[in-house]
Every structure is written in C-alpha cells, then in structure tokens.
Amino acid sequence: MATSGFVYQVLLYYALVINTVCYVLFVLDKGYSQRGEKRIPEKILFTVALLGGALGGILAMYQFRHKTRHFRFKYGLPALLVLQLILIGYFTGY
C-alpha cells in the first residue's frame, strides 16, 4: 500500500495529540482522586486509549501509580498498545 509522506505526518501528529490527551486525562484523574473530587469515568479513559492513546495512558499510569491495581488497566492498556502496533505495522507494510 503506497502512502504519501503527508499521510504519515498527519498520523504522527494524531498519535502525539491523542497520547498527550490520554496522559493528561490520567494525571487529572489521579489529582481528582487525591482531592476526593468527581472523577473521570473509566469508560472515557479507555475510549481515549482505544482511539490511539494507549501508550500515553500506560506512561501516566506507571509514572503516577494510578490505576495500576485495576486488572482492566494493568493488562488492558498494554493489550491495546500491542493491537495498535500490529495495526500500524499491517497498514504501513512493516
């Protein structure tokens, strides 16, 4: 599949933005948790990770020790990341 450099550039920027958003959401949720405020629903955290932000979620999860005891996050986010890497490899020809 031939893909132009522009498409790769757009995908790279998308990946940077979605991973940053996921990272920030995890950090915000950790802060809300510590202050006893209303939390970000897990459904939203997973949705952003599913849309390509799994790496950002994993980095925030372990950097801030947030959601590391939850089975769904501890194993679900790495599984999403592997799936995303496989799809990237498949569609880019690697």
PDB file of N, CA and C in Angstrom:
ATOM      1  N   MET A   1       0.843  -1.166   0.000  1.00  0.00           N
ATOM      2  CA  MET A   1       0.000   0.000   0.000  1.00  0.00           C
ATOM      3  C   MET A   1       0.896   1.239   0.000  1.00  0.00           C
ATOM      4  N   ALA A   2       0.812   2.011  -1.014  1.00  0.00           N
ATOM      5  CA  ALA A   2       1.622   3.224  -1.114  1.00  0.00           C
ATOM      6  C   ALA A   2       0.922   4.359  -0.380  1.00  0.00           C
ATOM      7  N   THR A   3       1.659   4.984   0.503  1.00  0.00           N
ATOM      8  CA  THR A   3       1.110   6.080   1.278  1.00  0.00           C
ATOM      9  C   THR A   3       2.063   7.252   1.200  1.00  0.00           C
ATOM     10  N   SER A   4       1.510   8.420   1.041  1.00  0.00           N
ATOM     11  CA  SER A   4       2.352   9.602   0.900  1.00  0.00           C
ATOM     12  C   SER A   4       2.916  10.026   2.247  1.00  0.00           C
ATOM     13  N   GLY A   5       3.968  10.818   2.198  1.00  0.00           N
ATOM     14  CA  GLY A   5       4.587  11.345   3.400  1.00  0.00           C
ATOM     15  C   GLY A   5       3.640  12.206   4.204  1.00  0.00           C
ATOM     16  N   PHE A   6       2.727  12.862   3.505  1.00  0.00           N
ATOM     17  CA  PHE A   6       1.761  13.713   4.196  1.00  0.00           C
ATOM     18  C   PHE A   6       0.876  12.899   5.128  1.00  0.00           C
ATOM     19  N   VAL A   7       0.439  11.733   4.675  1.00  0.00           N
ATOM     20  CA  VAL A   7      -0.420  10.881   5.490  1.00  0.00           C
ATOM     21  C   VAL A   7       0.332  10.424   6.734  1.00  0.00           C
ATOM     22  N   TYR A   8       1.590  10.038   6.566  1.00  0.00           N
ATOM     23  CA  TYR A   8       2.399   9.642   7.716  1.00  0.00           C
ATOM     24  C   TYR A   8       2.555  10.790   8.704  1.00  0.00           C
ATOM     25  N   GLN A   9       2.730  11.975   8.195  1.00  0.00           N
ATOM     26  CA  GLN A   9       2.887  13.150   9.040  1.00  0.00           C
ATOM     27  C   GLN A   9       1.607  13.424   9.836  1.00  0.00           C
ATOM     28  N   VAL A  10       0.469  13.320   9.182  1.00  0.00           N
ATOM     29  CA  VAL A  10      -0.813  13.512   9.858  1.00  0.00           C
ATOM     30  C   VAL A  10      -1.000  12.444  10.935  1.00  0.00           C
ATOM     31  N   LEU A  11      -0.687  11.203  10.614  1.00  0.00           N
ATOM     32  CA  LEU A  11      -0.822  10.127  11.595  1.00  0.00           C
ATOM     33  C   LEU A  11       0.116  10.318  12.781  1.00  0.00           C
ATOM     34  N   LEU A  12       1.310  10.801  12.528  1.00  0.00           N
ATOM     35  CA  LEU A  12       2.256  11.064  13.610  1.00  0.00           C
ATOM     36  C   LEU A  12       1.721  12.151  14.539  1.00  0.00           C
ATOM     37  N   TYR A  13       1.220  13.237  13.965  1.00  0.00           N
ATOM     38  CA  TYR A  13       0.656  14.311  14.787  1.00  0.00           C
ATOM     39  C   TYR A  13      -0.568  13.820  15.562  1.00  0.00           C
ATOM     40  N   TYR A  14      -1.393  13.013  14.911  1.00  0.00           N
ATOM     41  CA  TYR A  14      -2.553  12.448  15.590  1.00  0.00           C
ATOM     42  C   TYR A  14      -2.104  11.611  16.793  1.00  0.00           C
ATOM     43  N   ALA A  15      -1.107  10.767  16.579  1.00  0.00           N
ATOM     44  CA  ALA A  15      -0.612   9.917  17.661  1.00  0.00           C
ATOM     45  C   ALA A  15      -0.065  10.756  18.815  1.00  0.00           C
ATOM     46  N   LEU A  16       0.651  11.804  18.498  1.00  0.00           N
ATOM     47  CA  LEU A  16       1.186  12.674  19.547  1.00  0.00           C
ATOM     48  C   LEU A  16       0.069  13.343  20.336  1.00  0.00           C
ATOM     49  N   VAL A  17      -0.938  13.840  19.635  1.00  0.00           N
ATOM     50  CA  VAL A  17      -2.036  14.536  20.307  1.00  0.00           C
ATOM     51  C   VAL A  17      -2.868  13.569  21.153  1.00  0.00           C
ATOM     52  N   ILE A  18      -3.254  12.429  20.598  1.00  0.00           N
ATOM     53  CA  ILE A  18      -4.133  11.512  21.325  1.00  0.00           C
ATOM     54  C   ILE A  18      -3.417  10.905  22.533  1.00  0.00           C
ATOM     55  N   ASN A  19      -2.123  10.641  22.410  1.00  0.00           N
ATOM     56  CA  ASN A  19      -1.375  10.119  23.553  1.00  0.00           C
ATOM     57  C   ASN A  19      -1.185  11.179  24.626  1.00  0.00           C
ATOM     58  N   THR A  20      -0.994  12.417  24.217  1.00  0.00           N
ATOM     59  CA  THR A  20      -0.886  13.512  25.185  1.00  0.00           C
ATOM     60  C   THR A  20      -2.211  13.698  25.917  1.00  0.00           C
ATOM     61  N   VAL A  21      -3.309  13.655  25.175  1.00  0.00           N
ATOM     62  CA  VAL A  21      -4.633  13.790  25.797  1.00  0.00           C
ATOM     63  C   VAL A  21      -4.862  12.666  26.809  1.00  0.00           C
ATOM     64  N   CYS A  22      -4.542  11.444  26.438  1.00  0.00           N
ATOM     65  CA  CYS A  22      -4.743  10.310  27.341  1.00  0.00           C
ATOM     66  C   CYS A  22      -3.871  10.458  28.586  1.00  0.00           C
ATOM     67  N   TYR A  23      -2.631  10.857  28.407  1.00  0.00           N
ATOM     68  CA  TYR A  23      -1.708  11.071  29.519  1.00  0.00           C
ATOM     69  C   TYR A  23      -2.287  12.114  30.475  1.00  0.00           C
ATOM     70  N   VAL A  24      -2.731  13.237  29.934  1.00  0.00           N
ATOM     71  CA  VAL A  24      -3.278  14.327  30.758  1.00  0.00           C
ATOM     72  C   VAL A  24      -4.540  13.875  31.487  1.00  0.00           C
ATOM     73  N   LEU A  25      -5.396  13.110  30.828  1.00  0.00           N
ATOM     74  CA  LEU A  25      -6.604  12.624  31.480  1.00  0.00           C
ATOM     75  C   LEU A  25      -6.279  11.733  32.677  1.00  0.00           C
ATOM     76  N   PHE A  26      -5.285  10.871  32.539  1.00  0.00           N
ATOM     77  CA  PHE A  26      -4.873  10.016  33.657  1.00  0.00           C
ATOM     78  C   PHE A  26      -4.318  10.858  34.801  1.00  0.00           C
ATOM     79  N   VAL A  27      -3.509  11.864  34.472  1.00  0.00           N
ATOM     80  CA  VAL A  27      -2.938  12.728  35.502  1.00  0.00           C
ATOM     81  C   VAL A  27      -4.047  13.514  36.209  1.00  0.00           C
ATOM     82  N   LEU A  28      -4.989  14.054  35.443  1.00  0.00           N
ATOM     83  CA  LEU A  28      -6.102  14.778  36.047  1.00  0.00           C
ATOM     84  C   LEU A  28      -6.923  13.868  36.958  1.00  0.00           C
ATOM     85  N   ASP A  29      -7.195  12.650  36.499  1.00  0.00           N
ATOM     86  CA  ASP A  29      -7.983  11.716  37.294  1.00  0.00           C
ATOM     87  C   ASP A  29      -7.265  11.371  38.596  1.00  0.00           C
ATOM     88  N   LYS A  30      -5.966  11.242  38.550  1.00  0.00           N
ATOM     89  CA  LYS A  30      -5.185  10.985  39.763  1.00  0.00           C
ATOM     90  C   LYS A  30      -5.338  12.156  40.735  1.00  0.00           C
ATOM     91  N   GLY A  31      -5.226  13.378  40.239  1.00  0.00           N
ATOM     92  CA  GLY A  31      -5.401  14.549  41.091  1.00  0.00           C
ATOM     93  C   GLY A  31      -6.792  14.628  41.688  1.00  0.00           C
ATOM     94  N   TYR A  32      -7.800  14.364  40.855  1.00  0.00           N
ATOM     95  CA  TYR A  32      -9.175  14.362  41.346  1.00  0.00           C
ATOM     96  C   TYR A  32      -9.353  13.307  42.440  1.00  0.00           C
ATOM     97  N   SER A  33      -8.735  12.159  42.233  1.00  0.00           N
ATOM     98  CA  SER A  33      -8.820  11.072  43.199  1.00  0.00           C
ATOM     99  C   SER A  33      -8.218  11.488  44.538  1.00  0.00           C
ATOM    100  N   GLN A  34      -7.062  12.110  44.496  1.00  0.00           N
ATOM    101  CA  GLN A  34      -6.386  12.513  45.728  1.00  0.00           C
ATOM    102  C   GLN A  34      -7.162  13.587  46.485  1.00  0.00           C
ATOM    103  N   ARG A  35      -7.870  14.443  45.757  1.00  0.00           N
ATOM    104  CA  ARG A  35      -8.619  15.530  46.388  1.00  0.00           C
ATOM    105  C   ARG A  35     -10.069  15.140  46.696  1.00  0.00           C
ATOM    106  N   GLY A  36     -10.457  13.934  46.327  1.00  0.00           N
ATOM    107  CA  GLY A  36     -11.809  13.476  46.591  1.00  0.00           C
ATOM    108  C   GLY A  36     -12.860  14.144  45.715  1.00  0.00           C
ATOM    109  N   GLU A  37     -12.447  14.631  44.569  1.00  0.00           N
ATOM    110  CA  GLU A  37     -13.370  15.302  43.644  1.00  0.00           C
ATOM    111  C   GLU A  37     -13.985  14.295  42.683  1.00  0.00           C
ATOM    112  N   LYS A  38     -14.919  14.785  41.871  1.00  0.00           N
ATOM    113  CA  LYS A  38     -15.555  13.949  40.863  1.00  0.00           C
ATOM    114  C   LYS A  38     -14.503  13.457  39.874  1.00  0.00           C
ATOM    115  N   ARG A  39     -14.537  12.163  39.565  1.00  0.00           N
ATOM    116  CA  ARG A  39     -13.511  11.515  38.758  1.00  0.00           C
ATOM    117  C   ARG A  39     -13.875  11.483  37.274  1.00  0.00           C
ATOM    118  N   ILE A  40     -12.876  11.216  36.458  1.00  0.00           N
ATOM    119  CA  ILE A  40     -13.092  10.980  35.034  1.00  0.00           C
ATOM    120  C   ILE A  40     -13.525   9.519  34.894  1.00  0.00           C
ATOM    121  N   PRO A  41     -14.648   9.251  34.257  1.00  0.00           N
ATOM    122  CA  PRO A  41     -15.118   7.861  34.143  1.00  0.00           C
ATOM    123  C   PRO A  41     -14.103   6.966  33.420  1.00  0.00           C
ATOM    124  N   GLU A  42     -14.010   5.726  33.911  1.00  0.00           N
ATOM    125  CA  GLU A  42     -13.088   4.768  33.291  1.00  0.00           C
ATOM    126  C   GLU A  42     -13.420   4.565  31.818  1.00  0.00           C
ATOM    127  N   LYS A  43     -14.692   4.661  31.483  1.00  0.00           N
ATOM    128  CA  LYS A  43     -15.127   4.498  30.094  1.00  0.00           C
ATOM    129  C   LYS A  43     -14.437   5.535  29.193  1.00  0.00           C
ATOM    130  N   ILE A  44     -14.311   6.754  29.675  1.00  0.00           N
ATOM    131  CA  ILE A  44     -13.650   7.801  28.886  1.00  0.00           C
ATOM    132  C   ILE A  44     -12.151   7.515  28.778  1.00  0.00           C
ATOM    133  N   LEU A  45     -11.530   7.103  29.884  1.00  0.00           N
ATOM    134  CA  LEU A  45     -10.101   6.779  29.847  1.00  0.00           C
ATOM    135  C   LEU A  45      -9.826   5.666  28.834  1.00  0.00           C
ATOM    136  N   PHE A  46     -10.665   4.623  28.855  1.00  0.00           N
ATOM    137  CA  PHE A  46     -10.491   3.518  27.913  1.00  0.00           C
ATOM    138  C   PHE A  46     -10.775   3.938  26.474  1.00  0.00           C
ATOM    139  N   THR A  47     -11.775   4.783  26.279  1.00  0.00           N
ATOM    140  CA  THR A  47     -12.112   5.219  24.924  1.00  0.00           C
ATOM    141  C   THR A  47     -10.959   5.988  24.299  1.00  0.00           C
ATOM    142  N   VAL A  48     -10.368   6.894  25.054  1.00  0.00           N
ATOM    143  CA  VAL A  48      -9.233   7.666  24.535  1.00  0.00           C
ATOM    144  C   VAL A  48      -8.053   6.736  24.269  1.00  0.00           C
ATOM    145  N   ALA A  49      -7.832   5.769  25.139  1.00  0.00           N
ATOM    146  CA  ALA A  49      -6.755   4.794  24.912  1.00  0.00           C
ATOM    147  C   ALA A  49      -7.038   3.970  23.655  1.00  0.00           C
ATOM    148  N   LEU A  50      -8.288   3.581  23.461  1.00  0.00           N
ATOM    149  CA  LEU A  50      -8.670   2.798  22.287  1.00  0.00           C
ATOM    150  C   LEU A  50      -8.487   3.589  20.999  1.00  0.00           C
ATOM    151  N   LEU A  51      -8.697   4.890  21.066  1.00  0.00           N
ATOM    152  CA  LEU A  51      -8.546   5.744  19.881  1.00  0.00           C
ATOM    153  C   LEU A  51      -7.080   6.018  19.528  1.00  0.00           C
ATOM    154  N   GLY A  52      -6.167   5.394  20.251  1.00  0.00           N
ATOM    155  CA  GLY A  52      -4.748   5.526  19.928  1.00  0.00           C
ATOM    156  C   GLY A  52      -3.881   6.028  21.058  1.00  0.00           C
ATOM    157  N   GLY A  53      -4.461   6.260  22.225  1.00  0.00           N
ATOM    158  CA  GLY A  53      -3.701   6.828  23.325  1.00  0.00           C
ATOM    159  C   GLY A  53      -3.204   5.840  24.355  1.00  0.00           C
ATOM    160  N   ALA A  54      -3.116   4.568  24.003  1.00  0.00           N
ATOM    161  CA  ALA A  54      -2.713   3.546  24.975  1.00  0.00           C
ATOM    162  C   ALA A  54      -1.323   3.818  25.554  1.00  0.00           C
ATOM    163  N   LEU A  55      -0.392   4.223  24.723  1.00  0.00           N
ATOM    164  CA  LEU A  55       0.964   4.480  25.222  1.00  0.00           C
ATOM    165  C   LEU A  55       0.970   5.607  26.244  1.00  0.00           C
ATOM    166  N   GLY A  56       0.275   6.685  25.963  1.00  0.00           N
ATOM    167  CA  GLY A  56       0.182   7.792  26.907  1.00  0.00           C
ATOM    168  C   GLY A  56      -0.465   7.367  28.214  1.00  0.00           C
ATOM    169  N   GLY A  57      -1.494   6.541  28.121  1.00  0.00           N
ATOM    170  CA  GLY A  57      -2.157   6.030  29.321  1.00  0.00           C
ATOM    171  C   GLY A  57      -1.239   5.159  30.155  1.00  0.00           C
ATOM    172  N   ILE A  58      -0.485   4.298  29.498  1.00  0.00           N
ATOM    173  CA  ILE A  58       0.456   3.419  30.206  1.00  0.00           C
ATOM    174  C   ILE A  58       1.533   4.241  30.898  1.00  0.00           C
ATOM    175  N   LEU A  59       2.093   5.208  30.184  1.00  0.00           N
ATOM    176  CA  LEU A  59       3.140   6.036  30.774  1.00  0.00           C
ATOM    177  C   LEU A  59       2.636   6.772  32.013  1.00  0.00           C
ATOM    178  N   ALA A  60       1.463   7.376  31.926  1.00  0.00           N
ATOM    179  CA  ALA A  60       0.897   8.104  33.071  1.00  0.00           C
ATOM    180  C   ALA A  60       0.534   7.149  34.201  1.00  0.00           C
ATOM    181  N   MET A  61       0.004   6.006  33.834  1.00  0.00           N
ATOM    182  CA  MET A  61      -0.432   5.034  34.828  1.00  0.00           C
ATOM    183  C   MET A  61       0.730   4.621  35.736  1.00  0.00           C
ATOM    184  N   TYR A  62       1.873   4.345  35.145  1.00  0.00           N
ATOM    185  CA  TYR A  62       3.004   3.902  35.951  1.00  0.00           C
ATOM    186  C   TYR A  62       3.806   5.065  36.525  1.00  0.00           C
ATOM    187  N   GLN A  63       3.864   6.182  35.849  1.00  0.00           N
ATOM    188  CA  GLN A  63       4.593   7.329  36.380  1.00  0.00           C
ATOM    189  C   GLN A  63       3.913   7.874  37.639  1.00  0.00           C
ATOM    190  N   PHE A  64       2.579   7.887  37.641  1.00  0.00           N
ATOM    191  CA  PHE A  64       1.842   8.446  38.771  1.00  0.00           C
ATOM    192  C   PHE A  64       1.187   7.385  39.641  1.00  0.00           C
ATOM    193  N   ARG A  65       1.494   6.123  39.377  1.00  0.00           N
ATOM    194  CA  ARG A  65       0.944   4.992  40.130  1.00  0.00           C
ATOM    195  C   ARG A  65      -0.573   5.107  40.268  1.00  0.00           C
ATOM    196  N   HIS A  66      -1.215   5.234  39.138  1.00  0.00           N
ATOM    197  CA  HIS A  66      -2.673   5.407  39.112  1.00  0.00           C
ATOM    198  C   HIS A  66      -3.302   4.300  38.284  1.00  0.00           C
ATOM    199  N   LYS A  67      -4.241   3.607  38.852  1.00  0.00           N
ATOM    200  CA  LYS A  67      -4.974   2.512  38.207  1.00  0.00           C
ATOM    201  C   LYS A  67      -4.105   1.274  37.997  1.00  0.00           C
ATOM    202  N   THR A  68      -2.966   1.190  38.672  1.00  0.00           N
ATOM    203  CA  THR A  68      -2.066   0.045  38.466  1.00  0.00           C
ATOM    204  C   THR A  68      -2.583  -1.225  39.125  1.00  0.00           C
ATOM    205  N   ARG A  69      -3.527  -1.124  40.040  1.00  0.00           N
ATOM    206  CA  ARG A  69      -4.101  -2.312  40.691  1.00  0.00           C
ATOM    207  C   ARG A  69      -5.335  -2.828  39.960  1.00  0.00           C
ATOM    208  N   HIS A  70      -5.831  -2.048  39.031  1.00  0.00           N
ATOM    209  CA  HIS A  70      -7.025  -2.448  38.280  1.00  0.00           C
ATOM    210  C   HIS A  70      -6.622  -3.364  37.134  1.00  0.00           C
ATOM    211  N   PHE A  71      -7.150  -4.584  37.152  1.00  0.00           N
ATOM    212  CA  PHE A  71      -6.816  -5.580  36.137  1.00  0.00           C
ATOM    213  C   PHE A  71      -7.063  -5.057  34.732  1.00  0.00           C
ATOM    214  N   ARG A  72      -8.202  -4.369  34.550  1.00  0.00           N
ATOM    215  CA  ARG A  72      -8.568  -3.870  33.217  1.00  0.00           C
ATOM    216  C   ARG A  72      -7.535  -2.887  32.680  1.00  0.00           C
ATOM    217  N   PHE A  73      -6.956  -2.097  33.549  1.00  0.00           N
ATOM    218  CA  PHE A  73      -5.961  -1.123  33.106  1.00  0.00           C
ATOM    219  C   PHE A  73      -4.573  -1.751  33.030  1.00  0.00           C
ATOM    220  N   LYS A  74      -4.236  -2.538  34.033  1.00  0.00           N
ATOM    221  CA  LYS A  74      -2.899  -3.143  34.094  1.00  0.00           C
ATOM    222  C   LYS A  74      -2.613  -4.027  32.881  1.00  0.00           C
ATOM    223  N   TYR A  75      -3.613  -4.756  32.429  1.00  0.00           N
ATOM    224  CA  TYR A  75      -3.428  -5.650  31.291  1.00  0.00           C
ATOM    225  C   TYR A  75      -4.147  -5.166  30.026  1.00  0.00           C
ATOM    226  N   GLY A  76      -5.198  -4.392  30.195  1.00  0.00           N
ATOM    227  CA  GLY A  76      -5.966  -3.922  29.050  1.00  0.00           C
ATOM    228  C   GLY A  76      -5.232  -2.894  28.212  1.00  0.00           C
ATOM    229  N   LEU A  77      -4.581  -1.922  28.868  1.00  0.00           N
ATOM    230  CA  LEU A  77      -3.859  -0.903  28.104  1.00  0.00           C
ATOM    231  C   LEU A  77      -2.667  -1.486  27.339  1.00  0.00           C
ATOM    232  N   PRO A  78      -1.849  -2.350  27.960  1.00  0.00           N
ATOM    233  CA  PRO A  78      -0.781  -2.962  27.156  1.00  0.00           C
ATOM    234  C   PRO A  78      -1.318  -3.802  25.994  1.00  0.00           C
ATOM    235  N   ALA A  79      -2.445  -4.487  26.206  1.00  0.00           N
ATOM    236  CA  ALA A  79      -3.042  -5.264  25.109  1.00  0.00           C
ATOM    237  C   ALA A  79      -3.494  -4.331  23.985  1.00  0.00           C
ATOM    238  N   LEU A  80      -4.078  -3.186  24.345  1.00  0.00           N
ATOM    239  CA  LEU A  80      -4.471  -2.205  23.328  1.00  0.00           C
ATOM    240  C   LEU A  80      -3.253  -1.682  22.577  1.00  0.00           C
ATOM    241  N   LEU A  81      -2.183  -1.419  23.302  1.00  0.00           N
ATOM    242  CA  LEU A  81      -0.963  -0.918  22.667  1.00  0.00           C
ATOM    243  C   LEU A  81      -0.415  -1.936  21.665  1.00  0.00           C
ATOM    244  N   VAL A  82      -0.377  -3.191  22.052  1.00  0.00           N
ATOM    245  CA  VAL A  82       0.104  -4.239  21.141  1.00  0.00           C
ATOM    246  C   VAL A  82      -0.788  -4.300  19.904  1.00  0.00           C
ATOM    247  N   LEU A  83      -2.090  -4.255  20.107  1.00  0.00           N
ATOM    248  CA  LEU A  83      -3.033  -4.271  18.982  1.00  0.00           C
ATOM    249  C   LEU A  83      -2.796  -3.068  18.071  1.00  0.00           C
ATOM    250  N   GLN A  84      -2.600  -1.898  18.655  1.00  0.00           N
ATOM    251  CA  GLN A  84      -2.363  -0.692  17.864  1.00  0.00           C
ATOM    252  C   GLN A  84      -1.058  -0.797  17.073  1.00  0.00           C
ATOM    253  N   LEU A  85      -0.028  -1.348  17.694  1.00  0.00           N
ATOM    254  CA  LEU A  85       1.249  -1.515  16.984  1.00  0.00           C
ATOM    255  C   LEU A  85       1.128  -2.519  15.843  1.00  0.00           C
ATOM    256  N   ILE A  86       0.369  -3.586  16.059  1.00  0.00           N
ATOM    257  CA  ILE A  86       0.144  -4.566  14.994  1.00  0.00           C
ATOM    258  C   ILE A  86      -0.600  -3.916  13.831  1.00  0.00           C
ATOM    259  N   LEU A  87      -1.632  -3.144  14.139  1.00  0.00           N
ATOM    260  CA  LEU A  87      -2.391  -2.464  13.076  1.00  0.00           C
ATOM    261  C   LEU A  87      -1.522  -1.457  12.326  1.00  0.00           C
ATOM    262  N   ILE A  88      -0.698  -0.721  13.041  1.00  0.00           N
ATOM    263  CA  ILE A  88       0.212   0.227  12.387  1.00  0.00           C
ATOM    264  C   ILE A  88       1.152  -0.517  11.462  1.00  0.00           C
ATOM    265  N   GLY A  89       1.712  -1.612  11.943  1.00  0.00           N
ATOM    266  CA  GLY A  89       2.611  -2.416  11.121  1.00  0.00           C
ATOM    267  C   GLY A  89       1.927  -2.974   9.882  1.00  0.00           C
ATOM    268  N   TYR A  90       0.718  -3.447  10.068  1.00  0.00           N
ATOM    269  CA  TYR A  90      -0.028  -4.015   8.950  1.00  0.00           C
ATOM    270  C   TYR A  90      -0.321  -2.960   7.879  1.00  0.00           C
ATOM    271  N   PHE A  91      -0.801  -1.798   8.304  1.00  0.00           N
ATOM    272  CA  PHE A  91      -1.199  -0.786   7.347  1.00  0.00           C
ATOM    273  C   PHE A  91      -0.019  -0.015   6.744  1.00  0.00           C
ATOM    274  N   THR A  92       1.125  -0.057   7.404  1.00  0.00           N
ATOM    275  CA  THR A  92       2.298   0.617   6.829  1.00  0.00           C
ATOM    276  C   THR A  92       3.205  -0.352   6.089  1.00  0.00           C
ATOM    277  N   GLY A  93       2.933  -1.638   6.202  1.00  0.00           N
ATOM    278  CA  GLY A  93       3.709  -2.623   5.462  1.00  0.00           C
ATOM    279  C   GLY A  93       4.936  -3.133   6.189  1.00  0.00           C
ATOM    280  N   TYR A  94       5.028  -2.891   7.477  1.00  0.00           N
ATOM    281  CA  TYR A  94       6.190  -3.391   8.248  1.00  0.00           C
ATOM    282  C   TYR A  94       5.887  -4.683   8.912  1.00  0.00           C
TER     283      TYR A  94
END
